[in-house]
PDB file of N, CA and C in Angstrom:
ATOM      1  N   UNK A   1      16.439  -3.537 -15.639  1.00  0.00           N
ATOM      2  CA  UNK A   1      17.096  -3.438 -14.381  1.00  0.00           C
ATOM      3  C   UNK A   1      18.735  -3.537 -14.817  1.00  0.00           C
ATOM      4  N   UNK A   2      19.208  -3.535 -16.068  1.00  0.00           N
ATOM      5  CA  UNK A   2      20.496  -3.798 -16.669  1.00  0.00           C
ATOM      6  C   UNK A   2      21.227  -2.863 -15.578  1.00  0.00           C
ATOM      7  N   UNK A   3      21.104  -1.810 -14.994  1.00  0.00           N
ATOM      8  CA  UNK A   3      22.068  -1.032 -14.557  1.00  0.00           C
ATOM      9  C   UNK A   3      21.771  -1.166 -12.823  1.00  0.00           C
ATOM     10  N   UNK A   4      21.444  -2.160 -12.230  1.00  0.00           N
ATOM     11  CA  UNK A   4      21.129  -2.809 -11.330  1.00  0.00           C
ATOM     12  C   UNK A   4      22.965  -3.999 -11.133  1.00  0.00           C
ATOM     13  N   UNK A   5      23.304  -3.679  -9.770  1.00  0.00           N
ATOM     14  CA  UNK A   5      24.482  -4.343  -9.604  1.00  0.00           C
ATOM     15  C   UNK A   5      24.269  -5.971  -9.449  1.00  0.00           C
ATOM     16  N   UNK A   6      25.410  -6.328  -9.826  1.00  0.00           N
ATOM     17  CA  UNK A   6      25.640  -7.983  -9.243  1.00  0.00           C
ATOM     18  C   UNK A   6      25.271  -8.300  -7.763  1.00  0.00           C
ATOM     19  N   UNK A   7      24.309  -9.028  -7.823  1.00  0.00           N
ATOM     20  CA  UNK A   7      23.923  -9.405  -6.335  1.00  0.00           C
ATOM     21  C   UNK A   7      22.800  -8.754  -5.789  1.00  0.00           C
ATOM     22  N   UNK A   8      22.353  -8.043  -6.606  1.00  0.00           N
ATOM     23  CA  UNK A   8      21.092  -6.919  -6.307  1.00  0.00           C
ATOM     24  C   UNK A   8      19.987  -8.099  -6.409  1.00  0.00           C
ATOM     25  N   UNK A   9      18.878  -7.908  -5.670  1.00  0.00           N
ATOM     26  CA  UNK A   9      17.551  -8.779  -5.600  1.00  0.00           C
ATOM     27  C   UNK A   9      16.663  -7.723  -5.851  1.00  0.00           C
ATOM     28  N   UNK A  10      15.387  -8.518  -6.391  1.00  0.00           N
ATOM     29  CA  UNK A  10      13.958  -7.680  -6.681  1.00  0.00           C
ATOM     30  C   UNK A  10      12.796  -8.435  -6.241  1.00  0.00           C
ATOM     31  N   UNK A  11      11.728  -8.140  -5.714  1.00  0.00           N
ATOM     32  CA  UNK A  11      10.719  -9.000  -5.663  1.00  0.00           C
ATOM     33  C   UNK A  11       9.547  -8.863  -6.657  1.00  0.00           C
ATOM     34  N   UNK A  12       8.782  -9.187  -6.632  1.00  0.00           N
ATOM     35  CA  UNK A  12       7.166  -9.139  -7.394  1.00  0.00           C
ATOM     36  C   UNK A  12       6.243 -10.238  -6.669  1.00  0.00           C
ATOM     37  N   UNK A  13       5.169  -9.596  -6.610  1.00  0.00           N
ATOM     38  CA  UNK A  13       4.291  -9.948  -6.327  1.00  0.00           C
ATOM     39  C   UNK A  13       2.846  -9.894  -6.916  1.00  0.00           C
ATOM     40  N   UNK A  14       1.796 -10.595  -7.517  1.00  0.00           N
ATOM     41  CA  UNK A  14       0.980 -10.257  -8.273  1.00  0.00           C
ATOM     42  C   UNK A  14      -0.435 -11.556  -8.315  1.00  0.00           C
ATOM     43  N   UNK A  15      -1.364 -11.030  -8.886  1.00  0.00           N
ATOM     44  CA  UNK A  15      -2.644 -11.720  -8.828  1.00  0.00           C
ATOM     45  C   UNK A  15      -2.662 -12.734 -10.018  1.00  0.00           C
ATOM     46  N   UNK A  16      -2.353 -13.968  -9.852  1.00  0.00           N
ATOM     47  CA  UNK A  16      -2.221 -14.683 -11.320  1.00  0.00           C
ATOM     48  C   UNK A  16      -3.673 -15.759 -11.804  1.00  0.00           C
ATOM     49  N   UNK A  17      -3.604 -15.356 -12.932  1.00  0.00           N
ATOM     50  CA  UNK A  17      -4.945 -16.334 -13.385  1.00  0.00           C
ATOM     51  C   UNK A  17      -4.524 -17.598 -13.413  1.00  0.00           C
ATOM     52  N   UNK A  18      -5.444 -18.071 -13.446  1.00  0.00           N
ATOM     53  CA  UNK A  18      -5.462 -20.004 -13.852  1.00  0.00           C
ATOM     54  C   UNK A  18      -5.719 -20.549 -14.727  1.00  0.00           C
ATOM     55  N   UNK A  19      -6.550 -19.538 -15.992  1.00  0.00           N
ATOM     56  CA  UNK A  19      -6.806 -20.397 -17.058  1.00  0.00           C
ATOM     57  C   UNK A  19      -6.542 -19.397 -17.971  1.00  0.00           C
ATOM     58  N   UNK A  20      -5.969 -19.867 -19.230  1.00  0.00           N
ATOM     59  CA  UNK A  20      -5.744 -21.201 -19.512  1.00  0.00           C
ATOM     60  C   UNK A  20      -4.425 -21.371 -18.917  1.00  0.00           C
ATOM     61  N   UNK A  21      -4.114 -22.808 -18.569  1.00  0.00           N
ATOM     62  CA  UNK A  21      -2.491 -23.061 -18.300  1.00  0.00           C
ATOM     63  C   UNK A  21      -1.666 -22.868 -19.441  1.00  0.00           C
ATOM     64  N   UNK A  22      -0.226 -22.117 -18.911  1.00  0.00           N
ATOM     65  CA  UNK A  22       0.722 -22.224 -19.958  1.00  0.00           C
ATOM     66  C   UNK A  22       1.758 -23.293 -19.878  1.00  0.00           C
ATOM     67  N   UNK A  23       2.540 -23.604 -20.405  1.00  0.00           N
ATOM     68  CA  UNK A  23       3.663 -24.628 -20.661  1.00  0.00           C
ATOM     69  C   UNK A  23       4.344 -24.708 -18.959  1.00  0.00           C
ATOM     70  N   UNK A  24       4.407 -23.247 -18.460  1.00  0.00           N
ATOM     71  CA  UNK A  24       5.326 -23.313 -17.392  1.00  0.00           C
ATOM     72  C   UNK A  24       4.730 -23.249 -16.200  1.00  0.00           C
ATOM     73  N   UNK A  25       2.874 -22.880 -16.205  1.00  0.00           N
ATOM     74  CA  UNK A  25       2.103 -22.841 -15.115  1.00  0.00           C
ATOM     75  C   UNK A  25       2.141 -24.023 -13.965  1.00  0.00           C
ATOM     76  N   UNK A  26       1.803 -24.072 -12.754  1.00  0.00           N
ATOM     77  CA  UNK A  26       1.869 -25.313 -11.995  1.00  0.00           C
ATOM     78  C   UNK A  26       0.521 -25.866 -12.700  1.00  0.00           C
ATOM     79  N   UNK A  27       0.727 -27.262 -12.204  1.00  0.00           N
ATOM     80  CA  UNK A  27      -0.534 -28.218 -12.487  1.00  0.00           C
ATOM     81  C   UNK A  27      -1.296 -28.509 -11.348  1.00  0.00           C
ATOM     82  N   UNK A  28      -2.674 -27.783 -11.103  1.00  0.00           N
ATOM     83  CA  UNK A  28      -3.301 -27.988 -10.214  1.00  0.00           C
ATOM     84  C   UNK A  28      -4.194 -28.850 -10.299  1.00  0.00           C
ATOM     85  N   UNK A  29      -4.961 -29.635  -9.171  1.00  0.00           N
ATOM     86  CA  UNK A  29      -6.108 -30.203  -9.142  1.00  0.00           C
ATOM     87  C   UNK A  29      -7.372 -29.615  -9.975  1.00  0.00           C
ATOM     88  N   UNK A  30      -8.537 -29.867 -10.496  1.00  0.00           N
ATOM     89  CA  UNK A  30      -9.222 -29.233 -10.897  1.00  0.00           C
ATOM     90  C   UNK A  30     -10.259 -28.096  -9.892  1.00  0.00           C
ATOM     91  N   UNK A  31     -10.032 -29.025  -8.677  1.00  0.00           N
ATOM     92  CA  UNK A  31     -10.873 -28.460  -7.551  1.00  0.00           C
ATOM     93  C   UNK A  31     -10.098 -26.861  -7.330  1.00  0.00           C
ATOM     94  N   UNK A  32      -8.613 -26.967  -7.136  1.00  0.00           N
ATOM     95  CA  UNK A  32      -7.936 -25.859  -7.145  1.00  0.00           C
ATOM     96  C   UNK A  32      -8.016 -24.946  -8.236  1.00  0.00           C
ATOM     97  N   UNK A  33      -7.923 -24.949  -9.133  1.00  0.00           N
ATOM     98  CA  UNK A  33      -8.190 -24.262 -10.365  1.00  0.00           C
ATOM     99  C   UNK A  33      -9.635 -23.832 -10.084  1.00  0.00           C
ATOM    100  N   UNK A  34     -10.678 -24.263  -9.681  1.00  0.00           N
ATOM    101  CA  UNK A  34     -12.168 -23.579  -9.786  1.00  0.00           C
ATOM    102  C   UNK A  34     -11.968 -22.714  -8.375  1.00  0.00           C
ATOM    103  N   UNK A  35     -11.665 -23.203  -7.272  1.00  0.00           N
ATOM    104  CA  UNK A  35     -11.407 -22.064  -6.197  1.00  0.00           C
ATOM    105  C   UNK A  35     -11.069 -20.723  -6.490  1.00  0.00           C
ATOM    106  N   UNK A  36      -9.502 -21.106  -7.341  1.00  0.00           N
ATOM    107  CA  UNK A  36      -9.091 -19.888  -8.202  1.00  0.00           C
ATOM    108  C   UNK A  36      -9.747 -19.080  -8.805  1.00  0.00           C
ATOM    109  N   UNK A  37     -10.741 -19.942  -9.836  1.00  0.00           N
ATOM    110  CA  UNK A  37     -11.288 -19.104 -10.804  1.00  0.00           C
ATOM    111  C   UNK A  37     -12.441 -18.241  -9.947  1.00  0.00           C
ATOM    112  N   UNK A  38     -12.980 -18.923  -9.147  1.00  0.00           N
ATOM    113  CA  UNK A  38     -14.090 -18.022  -8.445  1.00  0.00           C
ATOM    114  C   UNK A  38     -13.210 -16.903  -7.223  1.00  0.00           C
ATOM    115  N   UNK A  39     -12.088 -17.046  -6.798  1.00  0.00           N
ATOM    116  CA  UNK A  39     -11.244 -16.051  -6.143  1.00  0.00           C
ATOM    117  C   UNK A  39     -11.407 -14.673  -7.565  1.00  0.00           C
ATOM    118  N   UNK A  40     -10.696 -15.139  -8.724  1.00  0.00           N
ATOM    119  CA  UNK A  40     -10.496 -14.202  -9.419  1.00  0.00           C
ATOM    120  C   UNK A  40     -11.957 -13.503 -10.053  1.00  0.00           C
ATOM    121  N   UNK A  41     -13.128 -14.579 -10.014  1.00  0.00           N
ATOM    122  CA  UNK A  41     -14.725 -13.658 -10.536  1.00  0.00           C
ATOM    123  C   UNK A  41     -14.828 -12.637  -9.037  1.00  0.00           C
ATOM    124  N   UNK A  42     -14.568 -12.882  -8.319  1.00  0.00           N
ATOM    125  CA  UNK A  42     -15.063 -11.967  -7.279  1.00  0.00           C
ATOM    126  C   UNK A  42     -14.202 -10.814  -6.979  1.00  0.00           C
ATOM    127  N   UNK A  43     -12.771 -10.895  -7.090  1.00  0.00           N
ATOM    128  CA  UNK A  43     -12.120  -9.757  -7.272  1.00  0.00           C
ATOM    129  C   UNK A  43     -12.703  -9.013  -8.096  1.00  0.00           C
ATOM    130  N   UNK A  44     -12.840  -9.428  -9.071  1.00  0.00           N
ATOM    131  CA  UNK A  44     -13.351  -8.579 -10.229  1.00  0.00           C
ATOM    132  C   UNK A  44     -14.692  -7.888 -10.528  1.00  0.00           C
ATOM    133  N   UNK A  45     -15.289  -8.727  -9.861  1.00  0.00           N
ATOM    134  CA  UNK A  45     -16.927  -7.913  -9.435  1.00  0.00           C
ATOM    135  C   UNK A  45     -16.710  -6.879  -8.441  1.00  0.00           C
ATOM    136  N   UNK A  46     -15.766  -7.291  -7.646  1.00  0.00           N
ATOM    137  CA  UNK A  46     -16.048  -6.581  -6.107  1.00  0.00           C
ATOM    138  C   UNK A  46     -14.786  -5.302  -6.305  1.00  0.00           C
ATOM    139  N   UNK A  47     -14.089  -5.407  -6.980  1.00  0.00           N
ATOM    140  CA  UNK A  47     -12.816  -4.530  -7.166  1.00  0.00           C
ATOM    141  C   UNK A  47     -13.041  -3.426  -8.374  1.00  0.00           C
ATOM    142  N   UNK A  48     -13.505  -4.353  -9.072  1.00  0.00           N
ATOM    143  CA  UNK A  48     -13.927  -3.271 -10.364  1.00  0.00           C
ATOM    144  C   UNK A  48     -12.398  -2.893 -11.266  1.00  0.00           C
ATOM    145  N   UNK A  49     -11.273  -3.210 -10.981  1.00  0.00           N
ATOM    146  CA  UNK A  49     -10.266  -2.795 -11.518  1.00  0.00           C
ATOM    147  C   UNK A  49      -8.947  -3.952 -11.167  1.00  0.00           C
ATOM    148  N   UNK A  50      -7.867  -4.242 -12.104  1.00  0.00           N
ATOM    149  CA  UNK A  50      -7.043  -4.880 -11.934  1.00  0.00           C
ATOM    150  C   UNK A  50      -6.713  -5.612 -13.094  1.00  0.00           C
ATOM    151  N   UNK A  51      -5.368  -6.254 -13.334  1.00  0.00           N
ATOM    152  CA  UNK A  51      -4.858  -7.275 -14.135  1.00  0.00           C
ATOM    153  C   UNK A  51      -4.324  -8.436 -13.434  1.00  0.00           C
ATOM    154  N   UNK A  52      -5.173  -9.501 -13.995  1.00  0.00           N
ATOM    155  CA  UNK A  52      -4.460 -10.811 -13.532  1.00  0.00           C
ATOM    156  C   UNK A  52      -3.839 -10.868 -14.793  1.00  0.00           C
ATOM    157  N   UNK A  53      -2.438 -11.845 -14.370  1.00  0.00           N
ATOM    158  CA  UNK A  53      -1.576 -12.099 -15.229  1.00  0.00           C
ATOM    159  C   UNK A  53      -1.277 -13.666 -15.162  1.00  0.00           C
ATOM    160  N   UNK A  54      -1.050 -14.171 -16.449  1.00  0.00           N
ATOM    161  CA  UNK A  54      -0.545 -15.379 -16.459  1.00  0.00           C
ATOM    162  C   UNK A  54       1.163 -15.926 -16.074  1.00  0.00           C
ATOM    163  N   UNK A  55       1.189 -16.913 -15.694  1.00  0.00           N
ATOM    164  CA  UNK A  55       2.322 -17.424 -14.733  1.00  0.00           C
ATOM    165  C   UNK A  55       3.453 -16.673 -15.596  1.00  0.00           C
ATOM    166  N   UNK A  56       3.735 -17.336 -17.018  1.00  0.00           N
ATOM    167  CA  UNK A  56       4.611 -16.762 -17.665  1.00  0.00           C
ATOM    168  C   UNK A  56       4.785 -15.169 -17.640  1.00  0.00           C
ATOM    169  N   UNK A  57       3.648 -14.530 -17.867  1.00  0.00           N
ATOM    170  CA  UNK A  57       3.875 -12.913 -17.834  1.00  0.00           C
ATOM    171  C   UNK A  57       4.491 -12.413 -16.211  1.00  0.00           C
ATOM    172  N   UNK A  58       4.105 -13.011 -15.085  1.00  0.00           N
ATOM    173  CA  UNK A  58       4.724 -12.950 -14.160  1.00  0.00           C
ATOM    174  C   UNK A  58       6.429 -13.255 -13.599  1.00  0.00           C
ATOM    175  N   UNK A  59       6.571 -13.964 -14.394  1.00  0.00           N
ATOM    176  CA  UNK A  59       8.195 -14.301 -14.385  1.00  0.00           C
ATOM    177  C   UNK A  59       8.831 -13.465 -15.371  1.00  0.00           C
ATOM    178  N   UNK A  60       8.338 -13.119 -16.240  1.00  0.00           N
ATOM    179  CA  UNK A  60       9.036 -11.910 -16.952  1.00  0.00           C
ATOM    180  C   UNK A  60       9.320 -10.775 -16.467  1.00  0.00           C
ATOM    181  N   UNK A  61       8.321 -10.362 -15.229  1.00  0.00           N
ATOM    182  CA  UNK A  61       8.821  -9.068 -14.654  1.00  0.00           C
ATOM    183  C   UNK A  61      10.679  -9.464 -13.998  1.00  0.00           C
ATOM    184  N   UNK A  62      11.150 -10.502 -13.868  1.00  0.00           N
ATOM    185  CA  UNK A  62      12.218 -10.821 -13.013  1.00  0.00           C
ATOM    186  C   UNK A  62      13.573 -10.412 -14.420  1.00  0.00           C
ATOM    187  N   UNK A  63      12.857 -10.527 -15.317  1.00  0.00           N
ATOM    188  CA  UNK A  63      13.696 -10.541 -16.551  1.00  0.00           C
ATOM    189  C   UNK A  63      15.071 -11.477 -16.719  1.00  0.00           C
ATOM    190  N   UNK A  64      16.565 -11.088 -16.684  1.00  0.00           N
ATOM    191  CA  UNK A  64      17.441 -11.657 -16.540  1.00  0.00           C
ATOM    192  C   UNK A  64      18.064 -12.299 -15.105  1.00  0.00           C
ATOM    193  N   UNK A  65      17.591 -11.905 -14.263  1.00  0.00           N
ATOM    194  CA  UNK A  65      17.318 -12.120 -12.787  1.00  0.00           C
ATOM    195  C   UNK A  65      17.258 -13.614 -12.356  1.00  0.00           C
ATOM    196  N   UNK A  66      17.851 -14.385 -11.713  1.00  0.00           N
ATOM    197  CA  UNK A  66      17.715 -15.796 -11.261  1.00  0.00           C
ATOM    198  C   UNK A  66      16.918 -15.590 -10.539  1.00  0.00           C
ATOM    199  N   UNK A  67      15.704 -16.469 -10.529  1.00  0.00           N
ATOM    200  CA  UNK A  67      14.607 -16.943  -9.462  1.00  0.00           C
ATOM    201  C   UNK A  67      14.911 -17.510  -8.586  1.00  0.00           C
ATOM    202  N   UNK A  68      15.207 -17.128  -7.143  1.00  0.00           N
ATOM    203  CA  UNK A  68      15.683 -17.944  -6.179  1.00  0.00           C
ATOM    204  C   UNK A  68      14.707 -18.551  -5.665  1.00  0.00           C
ATOM    205  N   UNK A  69      14.755 -19.795  -4.893  1.00  0.00           N
ATOM    206  CA  UNK A  69      13.852 -20.518  -4.250  1.00  0.00           C
ATOM    207  C   UNK A  69      13.010 -20.016  -3.405  1.00  0.00           C
ATOM    208  N   UNK A  70      11.642 -20.469  -2.837  1.00  0.00           N
ATOM    209  CA  UNK A  70      11.299 -21.859  -3.786  1.00  0.00           C
ATOM    210  C   UNK A  70      10.606 -21.158  -5.374  1.00  0.00           C
ATOM    211  N   UNK A  71      10.825 -20.233  -5.804  1.00  0.00           N
ATOM    212  CA  UNK A  71      10.710 -19.499  -6.917  1.00  0.00           C
ATOM    213  C   UNK A  71       9.251 -18.772  -6.878  1.00  0.00           C
ATOM    214  N   UNK A  72       8.643 -19.068  -8.346  1.00  0.00           N
ATOM    215  CA  UNK A  72       7.247 -18.208  -8.032  1.00  0.00           C
ATOM    216  C   UNK A  72       6.125 -19.103  -7.372  1.00  0.00           C
ATOM    217  N   UNK A  73       5.602 -18.741  -6.363  1.00  0.00           N
ATOM    218  CA  UNK A  73       4.733 -19.857  -5.529  1.00  0.00           C
ATOM    219  C   UNK A  73       3.928 -19.122  -4.714  1.00  0.00           C
ATOM    220  N   UNK A  74       2.544 -19.803  -4.281  1.00  0.00           N
ATOM    221  CA  UNK A  74       1.749 -19.080  -3.461  1.00  0.00           C
ATOM    222  C   UNK A  74       2.469 -18.344  -2.582  1.00  0.00           C
ATOM    223  N   UNK A  75       2.176 -16.915  -2.315  1.00  0.00           N
ATOM    224  CA  UNK A  75       2.947 -16.114  -1.108  1.00  0.00           C
ATOM    225  C   UNK A  75       2.878 -16.774   0.165  1.00  0.00           C
ATOM    226  N   UNK A  76       1.966 -17.229   0.559  1.00  0.00           N
ATOM    227  CA  UNK A  76       1.849 -18.340   1.962  1.00  0.00           C
ATOM    228  C   UNK A  76       2.545 -19.264   1.775  1.00  0.00           C
ATOM    229  N   UNK A  77       3.311 -19.624   0.766  1.00  0.00           N
ATOM    230  CA  UNK A  77       4.508 -20.448   0.514  1.00  0.00           C
ATOM    231  C   UNK A  77       5.932 -20.060   0.912  1.00  0.00           C
ATOM    232  N   UNK A  78       6.234 -18.604   0.585  1.00  0.00           N
ATOM    233  CA  UNK A  78       7.419 -18.148  -0.017  1.00  0.00           C
ATOM    234  C   UNK A  78       7.890 -18.122   1.762  1.00  0.00           C
ATOM    235  N   UNK A  79       9.015 -18.771   2.039  1.00  0.00           N
ATOM    236  CA  UNK A  79       9.697 -19.204   3.109  1.00  0.00           C
ATOM    237  C   UNK A  79       8.970 -19.141   4.224  1.00  0.00           C
ATOM    238  N   UNK A  80       8.247 -20.127   4.405  1.00  0.00           N
ATOM    239  CA  UNK A  80       7.221 -20.426   5.576  1.00  0.00           C
ATOM    240  C   UNK A  80       7.951 -20.865   6.684  1.00  0.00           C
ATOM    241  N   UNK A  81       7.800 -20.241   8.070  1.00  0.00           N
ATOM    242  CA  UNK A  81       8.490 -21.212   9.393  1.00  0.00           C
ATOM    243  C   UNK A  81       8.447 -22.498   9.342  1.00  0.00           C
ATOM    244  N   UNK A  82       9.246 -23.130  10.163  1.00  0.00           N
ATOM    245  CA  UNK A  82       9.128 -25.009   9.948  1.00  0.00           C
ATOM    246  C   UNK A  82       7.531 -25.307  10.479  1.00  0.00           C
ATOM    247  N   UNK A  83       7.120 -24.641  11.522  1.00  0.00           N
ATOM    248  CA  UNK A  83       5.907 -25.148  11.758  1.00  0.00           C
ATOM    249  C   UNK A  83       4.423 -24.256  11.233  1.00  0.00           C
ATOM    250  N   UNK A  84       4.562 -23.800  10.365  1.00  0.00           N
ATOM    251  CA  UNK A  84       3.943 -22.966   9.297  1.00  0.00           C
ATOM    252  C   UNK A  84       3.113 -24.187   8.568  1.00  0.00           C
ATOM    253  N   UNK A  85       1.728 -23.859   8.640  1.00  0.00           N
ATOM    254  CA  UNK A  85       1.488 -24.755   7.483  1.00  0.00           C
ATOM    255  C   UNK A  85       0.041 -23.615   6.979  1.00  0.00           C
ATOM    256  N   UNK A  86      -0.105 -23.286   5.795  1.00  0.00           N
ATOM    257  CA  UNK A  86      -0.453 -22.410   4.784  1.00  0.00           C
ATOM    258  C   UNK A  86      -1.706 -23.082   4.582  1.00  0.00           C
ATOM    259  N   UNK A  87      -2.978 -22.242   4.962  1.00  0.00           N
ATOM    260  CA  UNK A  87      -4.236 -22.572   4.615  1.00  0.00           C
ATOM    261  C   UNK A  87      -4.409 -22.482   3.089  1.00  0.00           C
ATOM    262  N   UNK A  88      -5.021 -23.503   2.500  1.00  0.00           N
ATOM    263  CA  UNK A  88      -5.388 -23.192   0.884  1.00  0.00           C
ATOM    264  C   UNK A  88      -6.667 -22.698   0.507  1.00  0.00           C
ATOM    265  N   UNK A  89      -7.002 -21.208   1.165  1.00  0.00           N
ATOM    266  CA  UNK A  89      -8.245 -20.854   0.928  1.00  0.00           C
ATOM    267  C   UNK A  89      -8.442 -20.403  -0.832  1.00  0.00           C
ATOM    268  N   UNK A  90      -9.610 -19.111  -0.348  1.00  0.00           N
ATOM    269  CA  UNK A  90      -9.675 -19.020  -2.033  1.00  0.00           C
ATOM    270  C   UNK A  90      -8.833 -18.034  -2.587  1.00  0.00           C
ATOM    271  N   UNK A  91      -7.675 -17.544  -1.931  1.00  0.00           N
ATOM    272  CA  UNK A  91      -6.612 -16.658  -2.733  1.00  0.00           C
ATOM    273  C   UNK A  91      -5.545 -17.437  -2.769  1.00  0.00           C
ATOM    274  N   UNK A  92      -5.358 -18.594  -2.153  1.00  0.00           N
ATOM    275  CA  UNK A  92      -3.913 -19.458  -2.404  1.00  0.00           C
ATOM    276  C   UNK A  92      -3.077 -19.496  -3.705  1.00  0.00           C
ATOM    277  N   UNK A  93      -3.855 -19.895  -4.481  1.00  0.00           N
ATOM    278  CA  UNK A  93      -3.243 -20.059  -5.910  1.00  0.00           C
ATOM    279  C   UNK A  93      -3.224 -18.863  -6.878  1.00  0.00           C
ATOM    280  N   UNK A  94      -3.793 -17.987  -6.441  1.00  0.00           N
ATOM    281  CA  UNK A  94      -4.082 -16.563  -7.247  1.00  0.00           C
ATOM    282  C   UNK A  94      -3.009 -15.421  -6.689  1.00  0.00           C
ATOM    283  N   UNK A  95      -2.580 -15.488  -5.196  1.00  0.00           N
ATOM    284  CA  UNK A  95      -1.604 -14.520  -5.097  1.00  0.00           C
ATOM    285  C   UNK A  95      -0.414 -15.053  -4.894  1.00  0.00           C
ATOM    286  N   UNK A  96       0.687 -14.595  -5.802  1.00  0.00           N
ATOM    287  CA  UNK A  96       1.758 -15.251  -6.053  1.00  0.00           C
ATOM    288  C   UNK A  96       2.978 -14.343  -6.012  1.00  0.00           C
ATOM    289  N   UNK A  97       4.100 -14.474  -5.608  1.00  0.00           N
ATOM    290  CA  UNK A  97       5.454 -13.857  -5.093  1.00  0.00           C
ATOM    291  C   UNK A  97       6.827 -14.467  -5.530  1.00  0.00           C
ATOM    292  N   UNK A  98       7.791 -13.950  -5.519  1.00  0.00           N
ATOM    293  CA  UNK A  98       8.914 -14.441  -5.729  1.00  0.00           C
ATOM    294  C   UNK A  98      10.288 -13.282  -5.610  1.00  0.00           C
ATOM    295  N   UNK A  99      11.327 -13.966  -5.531  1.00  0.00           N
ATOM    296  CA  UNK A  99      12.506 -12.651  -5.223  1.00  0.00           C
ATOM    297  C   UNK A  99      13.311 -13.537  -6.048  1.00  0.00           C
ATOM    298  N   UNK A 100      13.800 -12.439  -6.970  1.00  0.00           N
ATOM    299  CA  UNK A 100      14.999 -12.995  -7.679  1.00  0.00           C
ATOM    300  C   UNK A 100      16.614 -11.985  -7.803  1.00  0.00           C
ATOM    301  N   UNK A 101      17.778 -12.563  -8.037  1.00  0.00           N
ATOM    302  CA  UNK A 101      19.148 -11.783  -7.962  1.00  0.00           C
ATOM    303  C   UNK A 101      19.801 -11.916  -9.096  1.00  0.00           C
ATOM    304  N   UNK A 102      20.075 -10.622  -9.428  1.00  0.00           N
ATOM    305  CA  UNK A 102      20.983 -10.400 -10.226  1.00  0.00           C
ATOM    306  C   UNK A 102      22.205 -11.355 -10.354  1.00  0.00           C
ATOM    307  N   UNK A 103      22.492 -12.082 -11.068  1.00  0.00           N
ATOM    308  CA  UNK A 103      23.512 -13.131 -11.299  1.00  0.00           C
ATOM    309  C   UNK A 103      25.100 -12.410 -11.498  1.00  0.00           C
ATOM    310  N   UNK A 104      26.257 -13.266 -10.942  1.00  0.00           N
ATOM    311  CA  UNK A 104      27.336 -12.619 -11.398  1.00  0.00           C
ATOM    312  C   UNK A 104      27.491 -12.834 -13.025  1.00  0.00           C
ATOM    313  N   UNK A 105      28.709 -11.743 -13.351  1.00  0.00           N
ATOM    314  CA  UNK A 105      28.555 -12.278 -14.550  1.00  0.00           C
ATOM    315  C   UNK A 105      29.405 -13.335 -15.228  1.00  0.00           C
ATOM    316  N   UNK A 106      28.875 -14.078 -16.204  1.00  0.00           N
ATOM    317  CA  UNK A 106      30.065 -15.386 -16.373  1.00  0.00           C
ATOM    318  C   UNK A 106      31.367 -14.855 -16.691  1.00  0.00           C
ATOM    319  N   UNK A 107      32.467 -15.343 -16.091  1.00  0.00           N
ATOM    320  CA  UNK A 107      33.807 -15.315 -16.490  1.00  0.00           C
ATOM    321  C   UNK A 107      34.456 -15.488 -17.833  1.00  0.00           C
ATOM    322  N   UNK A 108      35.139 -14.610 -18.128  1.00  0.00           N
ATOM    323  CA  UNK A 108      35.388 -14.544 -19.761  1.00  0.00           C
ATOM    324  C   UNK A 108      36.732 -15.395 -19.995  1.00  0.00           C
TER     325      UNK A 108
END
């Protein structure tokens, strides 16, 4: 993404595995971790293909771009409306997304 103009944005969503946790992974209650592991197992058994990524692997897609608020979070939590309440179903912790912006160069 080195050829992107400053201020350019990029987005990414991916299927995130919940175990084993990494240093930068969110800390989930064990019930949430079990639910997410169930979702991963169901998808793998029924779809047969795909690559589940660790939290840090997904962040690496953004390279040197600045990840914008609210960060790499469950897709349902990315910029919800003021009255939106995301249901924490079976895919809540596994389908994540984020948006990042190429920063302005440091003044010399």
